[in-house]
Amino acid sequence: MMAKREEKLTSRKHAVLLLTVLALFLGAGAATVSADERSFTVNVVSNSGKPVPVAVPVGEVRDQLDKDFFVNWDSLRVLDQAGNEIPFQIDDIDLSGELSRVDEIAFLATGPVTIRVTDDEWADPAQYPDQFTIETGPNREVNITTTDGKLAATVTPFGLVNVTRFAGVEQTYVKDLGMVRYAGFPGSRYWSGGSLGPHEERTTLEEPLRIVKGAVLKKSPVRATVVQQYASDVFPGLRVNVVVAIYPTGDIRVHTTALVKAYTDFTKLGTIVNAVMADAKDARHVLAPFRWLDFAEEEGRSSVDYYREKGAVVEVDGKPFIAFADARGPQPPFWGASYIFASVEKWRTNYSAQSGMGVAEIVVNPPPVAEDLAGKIKGLGWQLESEWRTIYFRWVATEIVQRRLDHGIQVKLEPDMAKGDWPLHAEPGEVFEWDNWYNLYQAQDLESAIRWLEKHSAELGPVTVVPVK
């Protein structure tokens, strides 16, 4: 009897074990089958046929998902039109150490892509080889080089980026990517008593801005990303966040955000870069025509007519472009800048025919031009005075009025800072943003450079994320 009882117990144990294994197997299978998937189309357009750099904020993808959909971001994949997986990376843009809405999904593509995510909690994160080597130098600088050695840049201890190699050629391409210039009245009592107080002017280096937090992100399967968060001690409440993203294609995005935490009266607030193609003695400065150039408007002319008279216009494919020797531009009618009080356009470049290389600044969405003169002056503008500036500039030259009067143009404008109320009155919570791209390129002649920039400037910038039904 005892033997039979043990046999029954053993059989029962085997049955329980079998049922347990079967349940685990079926549970795993059910988990795999039940993994829910969501897909999104990103409308990348490549006019040139070359890879286009793309950055999609995580928040734009999250907003397209059902609020009750649990997404495992480790499951994220990016697929080309043929369904092939392409490398991507997710950058910690706010340096929070956690995934957040402002973090960016970055990749390169030559056409529309699909972003796919699932709720599979067992999904492994994608792994791709880095495209850059990132090393810290002896003076706290960080050296960034593509793995093929063709492109190199240095991040200074202040967080600014200098590009020193492209297409394997060493020279100064551009310096101080990520720098800001700001000026105004940090002790202003404008609202309480009408007094502006002493004027101060600084740049990232001149104050210098205090680095609150900064990093060169370690992962680089698509781009090398430099993130800096600054605070001003001269202008209390001014915070500046800069993200410089370097792609192996020669595209560099510089996204600058100025956040105002305390009331401030600015006279200048903008981005600057230096030494664009500085080693090229034959560099020419070329740009799409200004919609507004005050030097020209003072004479009742368009920017094209103004520069054509000075022999500084070229025609390419039936369209005019402004072009002059970078170091010897047309003499301005006043002050020292080659141009100032001018609209922001879609691109400007320094191009060297001798080296067949150039560096361009590309603005994805140039701001509209106001209809009235005061509105034009108060808007974001371009300046060229060795530095390339994209800036709010509130110092109004008396020549703006006088030259109009000299040409028989009547105008009502008060140039005086206080009487004309020209400061930019920035209130707490206001945010100012610059989304500039810098493109290093090769072109056999000036005409080819212009054609390239016309195509490439139409490729860059925000994309739409559309759910796949």
Protein backbone atom coordinates (compact mmCIF):
# COMPACT_ATOMS: atom_id res chain seq x y z
CA MET A 1 0.00 0.00 0.00
CA MET A 2 2.83 2.38 0.83
CA ALA A 3 4.44 1.79 -2.63
CA LYS A 4 1.19 2.60 -4.42
CA ARG A 5 0.70 5.78 -2.33
CA GLU A 6 4.22 7.01 -3.21
CA GLU A 7 3.57 6.29 -6.90
CA LYS A 8 0.36 8.35 -6.79
CA LEU A 9 2.19 11.22 -5.07
CA THR A 10 5.00 11.07 -7.62
CA SER A 11 2.52 11.09 -10.50
CA ARG A 12 0.71 14.03 -8.93
CA LYS A 13 4.02 15.96 -8.57
CA HIS A 14 4.88 15.27 -12.21
CA ALA A 15 1.44 16.51 -13.27
CA VAL A 16 1.79 19.70 -11.21
CA LEU A 17 5.30 20.31 -12.62
CA LEU A 18 4.07 19.75 -16.14
CA LEU A 19 1.17 22.14 -15.66
CA THR A 20 3.52 24.75 -14.16
CA VAL A 21 5.97 24.53 -17.08
CA LEU A 22 3.07 24.65 -19.54
CA ALA A 23 1.60 27.69 -17.82
CA LEU A 24 4.95 29.48 -17.92
CA PHE A 25 5.38 28.61 -21.59
CA LEU A 26 1.90 29.77 -22.48
CA GLY A 27 2.34 32.90 -20.35
CA ALA A 28 5.55 33.81 -22.15
CA GLY A 29 3.89 33.17 -25.47
CA ALA A 30 0.89 35.25 -24.46
CA ALA A 31 3.19 38.09 -23.39
CA THR A 32 4.95 37.97 -26.74
CA VAL A 33 1.72 37.86 -28.69
CA SER A 34 0.09 40.58 -26.60
CA ALA A 35 2.91 43.11 -27.12
CA ASP A 36 1.16 46.12 -28.66
CA GLU A 37 2.89 48.17 -31.37
CA ARG A 38 2.59 51.77 -32.57
CA SER A 39 4.21 53.24 -35.68
CA PHE A 40 4.73 56.81 -36.90
CA THR A 41 5.82 58.24 -40.24
CA VAL A 42 8.38 61.07 -40.27
CA ASN A 43 8.32 63.11 -43.48
CA VAL A 44 12.03 63.49 -44.25
CA VAL A 45 12.71 65.12 -47.63
CA SER A 46 16.13 64.93 -49.31
CA ASN A 47 16.31 67.36 -52.23
CA SER A 48 20.00 66.65 -52.70
CA GLY A 49 19.86 62.86 -52.43
CA LYS A 50 22.25 63.02 -49.48
CA PRO A 51 21.46 62.00 -45.89
CA VAL A 52 19.51 64.67 -44.01
CA PRO A 53 20.03 65.14 -40.25
CA VAL A 54 16.81 64.84 -38.26
CA ALA A 55 15.98 65.39 -34.59
CA VAL A 56 12.53 64.53 -33.20
CA PRO A 57 11.66 65.48 -29.61
CA VAL A 58 10.48 62.51 -27.57
CA GLY A 59 7.44 64.55 -26.57
CA GLU A 60 6.22 64.70 -30.17
CA VAL A 61 6.10 60.91 -30.29
CA ARG A 62 4.60 60.58 -26.81
CA ASP A 63 1.81 63.03 -27.72
CA GLN A 64 0.71 60.75 -30.56
CA LEU A 65 0.26 57.77 -28.24
CA ASP A 66 -2.84 56.90 -26.24
CA LYS A 67 -2.46 58.15 -22.70
CA ASP A 68 -3.00 54.62 -21.35
CA PHE A 69 -0.44 53.07 -23.72
CA PHE A 70 2.63 51.93 -21.78
CA VAL A 71 5.56 52.40 -24.12
CA ASN A 72 8.90 50.75 -23.46
CA TRP A 73 11.31 53.21 -25.04
CA ASP A 74 13.96 50.47 -25.24
CA SER A 75 11.78 48.97 -28.00
CA LEU A 76 12.09 52.05 -30.21
CA ARG A 77 13.41 51.44 -33.72
CA VAL A 78 13.75 53.65 -36.81
CA LEU A 79 13.09 52.04 -40.21
CA ASP A 80 13.70 53.30 -43.74
CA GLN A 81 11.19 52.99 -46.59
CA ALA A 82 12.36 49.44 -47.32
CA GLY A 83 11.79 48.43 -43.70
CA ASN A 84 15.48 48.30 -42.87
CA GLU A 85 16.60 49.41 -39.42
CA ILE A 86 18.73 52.58 -39.42
CA PRO A 87 20.91 53.85 -36.54
CA PHE A 88 19.49 56.40 -34.13
CA GLN A 89 20.24 57.76 -30.69
CA ILE A 90 18.21 59.41 -27.94
CA ASP A 91 20.05 62.38 -26.44
CA ASP A 92 19.59 63.59 -22.88
CA ILE A 93 19.00 67.22 -23.88
CA ASP A 94 18.14 68.50 -20.40
CA LEU A 95 20.87 66.44 -18.65
CA SER A 96 18.26 65.06 -16.28
CA GLY A 97 19.63 61.52 -16.46
CA GLU A 98 16.14 60.32 -17.30
CA LEU A 99 14.02 60.24 -20.43
CA SER A 100 12.03 63.47 -20.80
CA ARG A 101 9.90 65.25 -23.40
CA VAL A 102 12.71 67.51 -24.60
CA ASP A 103 15.13 64.64 -25.23
CA GLU A 104 15.73 64.08 -28.94
CA ILE A 105 15.60 61.06 -31.23
CA ALA A 106 18.33 61.76 -33.80
CA PHE A 107 19.04 59.98 -37.09
CA LEU A 108 20.09 60.50 -40.71
CA ALA A 109 17.73 59.67 -43.58
CA THR A 110 17.31 60.17 -47.33
CA GLY A 111 13.53 59.87 -47.31
CA PRO A 112 10.50 59.20 -45.10
CA VAL A 113 11.13 56.91 -42.13
CA THR A 114 9.01 54.99 -39.64
CA ILE A 115 9.46 55.21 -35.88
CA ARG A 116 8.15 52.08 -34.15
CA VAL A 117 7.58 51.48 -30.44
CA THR A 118 5.92 48.69 -28.45
CA ASP A 119 4.82 47.96 -24.91
CA ASP A 120 7.02 44.87 -24.74
CA GLU A 121 8.64 45.19 -21.31
CA TRP A 122 11.32 42.63 -22.25
CA ALA A 123 12.56 44.54 -25.32
CA ASP A 124 16.28 45.26 -25.43
CA PRO A 125 17.60 48.70 -26.41
CA ALA A 126 19.12 49.04 -29.89
CA GLN A 127 22.92 49.06 -30.09
CA TYR A 128 24.89 50.73 -32.90
CA PRO A 129 28.60 51.56 -33.28
CA ASP A 130 29.70 55.10 -32.43
CA GLN A 131 30.60 57.42 -35.32
CA PHE A 132 32.85 59.64 -33.18
CA THR A 133 35.72 59.30 -30.77
CA ILE A 134 35.46 61.67 -27.80
CA GLU A 135 38.56 62.37 -25.70
CA THR A 136 39.39 64.90 -22.98
CA GLY A 137 42.59 66.88 -23.51
CA PRO A 138 45.15 68.15 -20.98
CA ASN A 139 43.52 71.60 -20.64
CA ARG A 140 39.95 70.34 -20.06
CA GLU A 141 39.10 70.69 -23.73
CA VAL A 142 37.20 67.83 -25.36
CA ASN A 143 38.31 66.62 -28.79
CA ILE A 144 35.64 65.16 -31.07
CA THR A 145 36.67 63.25 -34.22
CA THR A 146 34.72 61.08 -36.63
CA THR A 147 35.92 57.49 -36.64
CA ASP A 148 37.17 57.93 -40.22
CA GLY A 149 39.19 60.98 -39.11
CA LYS A 150 37.67 63.31 -41.73
CA LEU A 151 35.94 65.75 -39.36
CA ALA A 152 37.25 67.14 -36.08
CA ALA A 153 36.11 69.71 -33.55
CA THR A 154 37.15 70.90 -30.11
CA VAL A 155 34.91 71.82 -27.21
CA THR A 156 36.58 74.52 -25.13
CA PRO A 157 36.40 74.59 -21.31
CA PHE A 158 33.64 77.21 -21.70
CA GLY A 159 31.56 74.80 -23.78
CA LEU A 160 32.04 76.53 -27.16
CA VAL A 161 32.82 74.47 -30.26
CA ASN A 162 35.58 75.13 -32.82
CA VAL A 163 35.67 73.10 -36.06
CA THR A 164 39.20 72.41 -37.25
CA ARG A 165 38.95 69.62 -39.86
CA PHE A 166 36.55 68.71 -42.66
CA ALA A 167 36.92 66.26 -45.53
CA GLY A 168 40.33 65.45 -44.04
CA VAL A 169 41.59 69.03 -44.51
CA GLU A 170 42.89 70.95 -41.47
CA GLN A 171 42.01 74.64 -41.27
CA THR A 172 39.86 77.07 -39.28
CA TYR A 173 36.29 76.49 -40.44
CA VAL A 174 34.32 78.20 -37.66
CA LYS A 175 34.88 79.13 -34.03
CA ASP A 176 32.74 79.74 -30.96
CA LEU A 177 29.65 77.80 -31.95
CA GLY A 178 27.25 78.21 -29.04
CA MET A 179 28.34 81.72 -28.02
CA VAL A 180 25.81 84.41 -27.06
CA ARG A 181 26.07 88.20 -26.83
CA TYR A 182 23.85 90.13 -24.44
CA ALA A 183 23.68 93.73 -23.25
CA GLY A 184 21.32 96.00 -21.40
CA PHE A 185 20.49 97.46 -18.03
CA PRO A 186 20.70 94.72 -15.35
CA GLY A 187 19.74 97.18 -12.58
CA SER A 188 16.79 98.65 -14.48
CA ARG A 189 13.95 100.30 -12.54
CA TYR A 190 11.97 100.95 -15.71
CA TRP A 191 8.61 99.80 -14.35
CA SER A 192 8.98 101.27 -10.87
CA GLY A 193 10.49 104.64 -11.66
CA GLY A 194 11.40 104.84 -15.35
CA SER A 195 15.15 104.67 -14.72
CA LEU A 196 17.23 102.27 -16.84
CA GLY A 197 20.46 102.53 -14.87
CA PRO A 198 24.04 101.63 -15.95
CA HIS A 199 24.54 99.71 -19.20
CA GLU A 200 26.48 96.42 -19.34
CA GLU A 201 27.54 94.28 -22.32
CA ARG A 202 28.91 90.73 -22.20
CA THR A 203 29.44 87.54 -24.21
CA THR A 204 29.71 83.94 -23.05
CA LEU A 205 33.46 84.50 -22.60
CA GLU A 206 33.49 88.10 -21.41
CA GLU A 207 31.37 87.62 -18.28
CA PRO A 208 32.07 84.65 -18.39
CA LEU A 209 28.73 82.91 -18.16
CA ARG A 210 28.68 80.45 -15.29
CA ILE A 211 28.35 76.83 -16.39
CA VAL A 212 25.62 75.31 -14.25
CA LYS A 213 25.86 71.93 -15.94
CA GLY A 214 27.52 70.68 -19.11
CA ALA A 215 28.44 67.48 -20.90
CA VAL A 216 29.57 65.93 -24.15
CA LEU A 217 27.22 62.95 -24.40
CA LYS A 218 28.99 59.59 -24.62
CA LYS A 219 26.87 57.79 -27.22
CA SER A 220 27.40 58.89 -30.84
CA PRO A 221 26.01 56.39 -33.38
CA VAL A 222 24.53 59.36 -35.31
CA ARG A 223 25.98 62.60 -33.95
CA ALA A 224 28.24 64.04 -31.25
CA THR A 225 26.15 66.16 -28.89
CA VAL A 226 27.37 68.93 -26.60
CA VAL A 227 24.94 70.24 -23.96
CA GLN A 228 25.63 73.35 -21.87
CA GLN A 229 23.47 75.11 -19.30
CA TYR A 230 24.63 78.61 -18.33
CA ALA A 231 23.59 81.30 -15.86
CA SER A 232 24.51 84.98 -15.83
CA ASP A 233 25.61 86.64 -12.62
CA VAL A 234 25.69 90.10 -14.24
CA PHE A 235 22.11 89.86 -15.55
CA PRO A 236 20.23 88.11 -12.73
CA GLY A 237 17.65 85.70 -14.07
CA LEU A 238 19.23 85.15 -17.49
CA ARG A 239 19.67 81.45 -18.21
CA VAL A 240 21.07 80.14 -21.49
CA ASN A 241 20.86 76.54 -22.68
CA VAL A 242 22.85 75.48 -25.74
CA VAL A 243 22.85 72.18 -27.63
CA VAL A 244 25.47 71.72 -30.35
CA ALA A 245 24.92 68.56 -32.41
CA ILE A 246 27.67 67.56 -34.86
CA TYR A 247 26.86 65.13 -37.67
CA PRO A 248 29.53 63.35 -39.75
CA THR A 249 27.92 64.85 -42.88
CA GLY A 250 29.31 68.29 -41.95
CA ASP A 251 25.97 69.52 -40.58
CA ILE A 252 26.03 71.13 -37.14
CA ARG A 253 22.89 72.23 -35.36
CA VAL A 254 23.21 74.94 -32.70
CA HIS A 255 20.01 75.24 -30.70
CA THR A 256 20.14 78.13 -28.24
CA THR A 257 17.46 79.01 -25.71
CA ALA A 258 17.55 82.09 -23.49
CA LEU A 259 15.20 81.87 -20.52
CA VAL A 260 14.35 84.99 -18.54
CA LYS A 261 13.76 84.31 -14.84
CA ALA A 262 13.74 87.95 -13.68
CA TYR A 263 12.72 91.20 -15.37
CA THR A 264 15.52 92.48 -17.63
CA ASP A 265 15.89 95.35 -20.11
CA PHE A 266 18.08 94.15 -22.99
CA THR A 267 19.64 96.22 -25.76
CA LYS A 268 21.31 93.19 -27.37
CA LEU A 269 20.46 89.50 -27.19
CA GLY A 270 21.61 87.00 -29.76
CA THR A 271 23.98 84.35 -31.04
CA ILE A 272 27.38 84.92 -32.61
CA VAL A 273 30.05 82.84 -34.33
CA ASN A 274 33.57 83.80 -35.30
CA ALA A 275 36.35 83.03 -37.81
CA VAL A 276 34.16 81.56 -40.56
CA MET A 277 36.62 80.19 -43.17
CA ALA A 278 39.20 82.46 -41.53
CA ASP A 279 42.21 80.80 -43.20
CA ALA A 280 40.83 81.29 -46.73
CA LYS A 281 42.26 84.51 -48.18
CA ASP A 282 39.90 84.38 -51.17
CA ALA A 283 36.68 83.79 -49.19
CA ARG A 284 33.55 85.47 -50.53
CA HIS A 285 30.53 86.24 -48.41
CA VAL A 286 27.36 85.18 -50.20
CA LEU A 287 23.73 85.25 -49.11
CA ALA A 288 20.16 85.19 -50.26
CA PRO A 289 18.88 88.78 -50.83
CA PHE A 290 17.65 90.68 -47.80
CA ARG A 291 13.93 91.27 -47.65
CA TRP A 292 14.86 94.31 -45.58
CA LEU A 293 18.19 96.10 -45.48
CA ASP A 294 18.03 99.50 -43.87
CA PHE A 295 21.06 100.81 -45.78
CA ALA A 296 19.01 100.28 -48.96
CA GLU A 297 15.64 101.36 -47.57
CA GLU A 298 17.17 104.67 -46.48
CA GLU A 299 17.72 105.33 -50.19
CA GLY A 300 14.34 103.97 -51.27
CA ARG A 301 15.84 100.86 -52.91
CA SER A 302 15.81 97.09 -52.57
CA SER A 303 18.81 95.23 -51.20
CA VAL A 304 19.51 93.77 -54.64
CA ASP A 305 19.57 97.21 -56.30
CA TYR A 306 21.73 98.56 -53.46
CA TYR A 307 24.37 95.83 -53.88
CA ARG A 308 24.12 95.67 -57.67
CA GLU A 309 25.30 99.28 -57.86
CA LYS A 310 28.32 98.22 -55.82
CA GLY A 311 29.10 95.27 -58.12
CA ALA A 312 28.15 92.79 -55.42
CA VAL A 313 25.37 90.75 -57.06
CA VAL A 314 25.67 87.46 -58.95
CA GLU A 315 22.95 85.68 -60.91
CA VAL A 316 22.51 81.91 -60.62
CA ASP A 317 19.70 80.15 -62.48
CA GLY A 318 18.00 83.48 -63.06
CA LYS A 319 17.98 84.50 -59.38
CA PRO A 320 20.10 87.27 -57.78
CA PHE A 321 22.36 86.66 -54.79
CA ILE A 322 24.50 89.11 -52.84
CA ALA A 323 28.24 88.30 -53.03
CA PHE A 324 31.31 90.26 -51.96
CA ALA A 325 34.86 89.68 -50.71
CA ASP A 326 34.53 88.73 -47.06
CA ALA A 327 37.41 90.91 -45.83
CA ARG A 328 36.70 93.82 -48.21
CA GLY A 329 32.95 94.17 -48.42
CA PRO A 330 31.28 97.34 -49.75
CA GLN A 331 31.88 100.35 -47.51
CA PRO A 332 28.81 100.82 -45.29
CA PRO A 333 27.24 104.31 -45.20
CA PHE A 334 27.73 104.49 -41.42
CA TRP A 335 29.24 102.54 -38.53
CA GLY A 336 31.62 99.66 -39.29
CA ALA A 337 29.45 96.61 -39.95
CA SER A 338 29.28 95.26 -43.51
CA TYR A 339 25.56 95.01 -42.87
CA ILE A 340 23.37 95.75 -39.86
CA PHE A 341 19.67 96.47 -39.39
CA ALA A 342 18.87 93.66 -41.81
CA SER A 343 16.39 90.80 -42.01
CA VAL A 344 17.34 87.22 -41.17
CA GLU A 345 17.35 85.13 -44.36
CA LYS A 346 17.50 81.40 -45.05
CA TRP A 347 21.27 81.17 -45.53
CA ARG A 348 24.60 82.98 -45.72
CA THR A 349 28.01 81.53 -46.42
CA ASN A 350 31.72 82.14 -46.76
CA TYR A 351 33.02 80.22 -49.76
CA SER A 352 36.60 79.71 -50.97
CA ALA A 353 37.02 78.84 -54.64
CA GLN A 354 40.70 78.06 -54.06
CA SER A 355 39.95 75.28 -51.57
CA GLY A 356 36.54 74.40 -53.01
CA MET A 357 35.08 74.56 -49.49
CA GLY A 358 32.64 76.70 -47.60
CA VAL A 359 30.77 77.12 -44.34
CA ALA A 360 27.16 78.26 -44.29
CA GLU A 361 24.75 79.40 -41.61
CA ILE A 362 21.23 78.17 -42.35
CA VAL A 363 18.11 79.44 -40.60
CA VAL A 364 15.26 76.99 -41.01
CA ASN A 365 12.35 79.38 -40.53
CA PRO A 366 13.45 83.02 -41.00
CA PRO A 367 11.15 85.31 -39.01
CA PRO A 368 8.70 87.55 -40.90
CA VAL A 369 9.60 91.18 -41.54
CA ALA A 370 7.38 93.78 -39.87
CA GLU A 371 5.63 96.37 -42.02
CA ASP A 372 6.61 99.42 -39.97
CA LEU A 373 10.18 100.68 -39.47
CA ALA A 374 10.14 100.42 -35.67
CA GLY A 375 8.90 96.84 -35.93
CA LYS A 376 11.67 95.97 -38.38
CA ILE A 377 14.34 97.36 -36.08
CA LYS A 378 12.91 95.57 -33.04
CA GLY A 379 12.81 92.20 -34.77
CA LEU A 380 15.55 89.57 -34.93
CA GLY A 381 18.24 90.69 -37.37
CA TRP A 382 21.45 89.70 -39.12
CA GLN A 383 24.74 91.53 -38.69
CA LEU A 384 28.19 91.02 -40.20
CA GLU A 385 31.11 92.69 -38.46
CA SER A 386 33.76 89.98 -38.40
CA GLU A 387 31.30 88.18 -36.09
CA TRP A 388 28.21 86.64 -37.63
CA ARG A 389 25.33 87.74 -35.40
CA THR A 390 21.68 86.71 -35.30
CA ILE A 391 20.50 89.20 -32.76
CA TYR A 392 17.92 91.48 -31.21
CA PHE A 393 19.67 94.85 -31.47
CA ARG A 394 18.10 97.95 -29.90
CA TRP A 395 20.78 100.62 -30.44
CA VAL A 396 19.17 102.88 -33.05
CA ALA A 397 21.52 104.96 -35.19
CA THR A 398 20.52 108.58 -35.81
CA GLU A 399 21.64 107.98 -39.42
CA ILE A 400 18.55 105.80 -39.94
CA VAL A 401 16.47 108.97 -39.73
CA GLN A 402 18.91 111.46 -41.27
CA ARG A 403 19.72 109.42 -44.39
CA ARG A 404 16.02 109.01 -45.12
CA LEU A 405 15.51 112.75 -44.82
CA ASP A 406 18.52 113.31 -47.10
CA HIS A 407 16.81 111.15 -49.74
CA GLY A 408 13.46 112.88 -49.37
CA ILE A 409 11.85 110.12 -47.30
CA GLN A 410 9.77 111.35 -44.38
CA VAL A 411 9.97 109.29 -41.20
CA LYS A 412 8.82 109.58 -37.61
CA LEU A 413 11.27 107.76 -35.39
CA GLU A 414 12.91 108.69 -32.09
CA PRO A 415 16.44 107.14 -31.96
CA ASP A 416 17.10 108.05 -28.32
CA MET A 417 17.12 104.94 -26.13
CA ALA A 418 14.95 106.30 -23.31
CA LYS A 419 12.75 108.70 -25.29
CA GLY A 420 12.07 106.11 -27.98
CA ASP A 421 11.60 103.33 -25.42
CA TRP A 422 13.88 100.96 -27.34
CA PRO A 423 14.96 98.39 -24.73
CA LEU A 424 13.66 94.87 -25.09
CA HIS A 425 11.56 94.60 -21.94
CA ALA A 426 11.90 90.90 -21.14
CA GLU A 427 9.54 89.67 -18.45
CA PRO A 428 9.92 86.58 -16.24
CA GLY A 429 8.92 83.44 -18.12
CA GLU A 430 9.80 84.75 -21.59
CA VAL A 431 11.85 82.43 -23.79
CA PHE A 432 13.97 83.43 -26.80
CA GLU A 433 15.09 80.72 -29.20
CA TRP A 434 17.62 80.39 -32.04
CA ASP A 435 17.72 77.26 -34.18
CA ASN A 436 20.73 77.74 -36.46
CA TRP A 437 22.43 75.14 -38.63
CA TYR A 438 26.05 75.36 -39.80
CA ASN A 439 26.94 73.35 -42.88
CA LEU A 440 30.49 72.53 -43.99
CA TYR A 441 30.45 71.66 -47.67
CA GLN A 442 32.52 71.19 -50.81
CA ALA A 443 31.68 72.85 -54.14
CA GLN A 444 33.69 73.23 -57.33
CA ASP A 445 32.65 76.86 -57.88
CA LEU A 446 30.47 79.64 -56.45
CA GLU A 447 27.48 78.71 -58.60
CA SER A 448 27.61 75.11 -57.35
CA ALA A 449 27.85 76.35 -53.75
CA ILE A 450 24.73 78.48 -54.18
CA ARG A 451 22.78 75.64 -55.81
CA TRP A 452 23.77 73.31 -52.96
CA LEU A 453 22.65 75.77 -50.28
CA GLU A 454 19.35 76.44 -52.04
CA LYS A 455 18.64 72.70 -51.95
CA HIS A 456 20.05 71.93 -48.53
CA SER A 457 18.38 74.84 -46.74
CA ALA A 458 15.02 73.40 -47.82
CA GLU A 459 15.84 69.99 -46.29
CA LEU A 460 16.67 70.99 -42.73
CA GLY A 461 14.44 71.75 -39.84
CA PRO A 462 11.32 70.48 -38.08
CA VAL A 463 9.54 67.41 -39.41
CA THR A 464 6.03 66.12 -38.78
CA VAL A 465 5.32 62.90 -36.89
CA VAL A 466 2.14 61.20 -38.16
CA PRO A 467 0.64 58.01 -36.70
CA VAL A 468 0.32 55.06 -39.08
CA LYS A 469 -3.30 53.91 -38.99
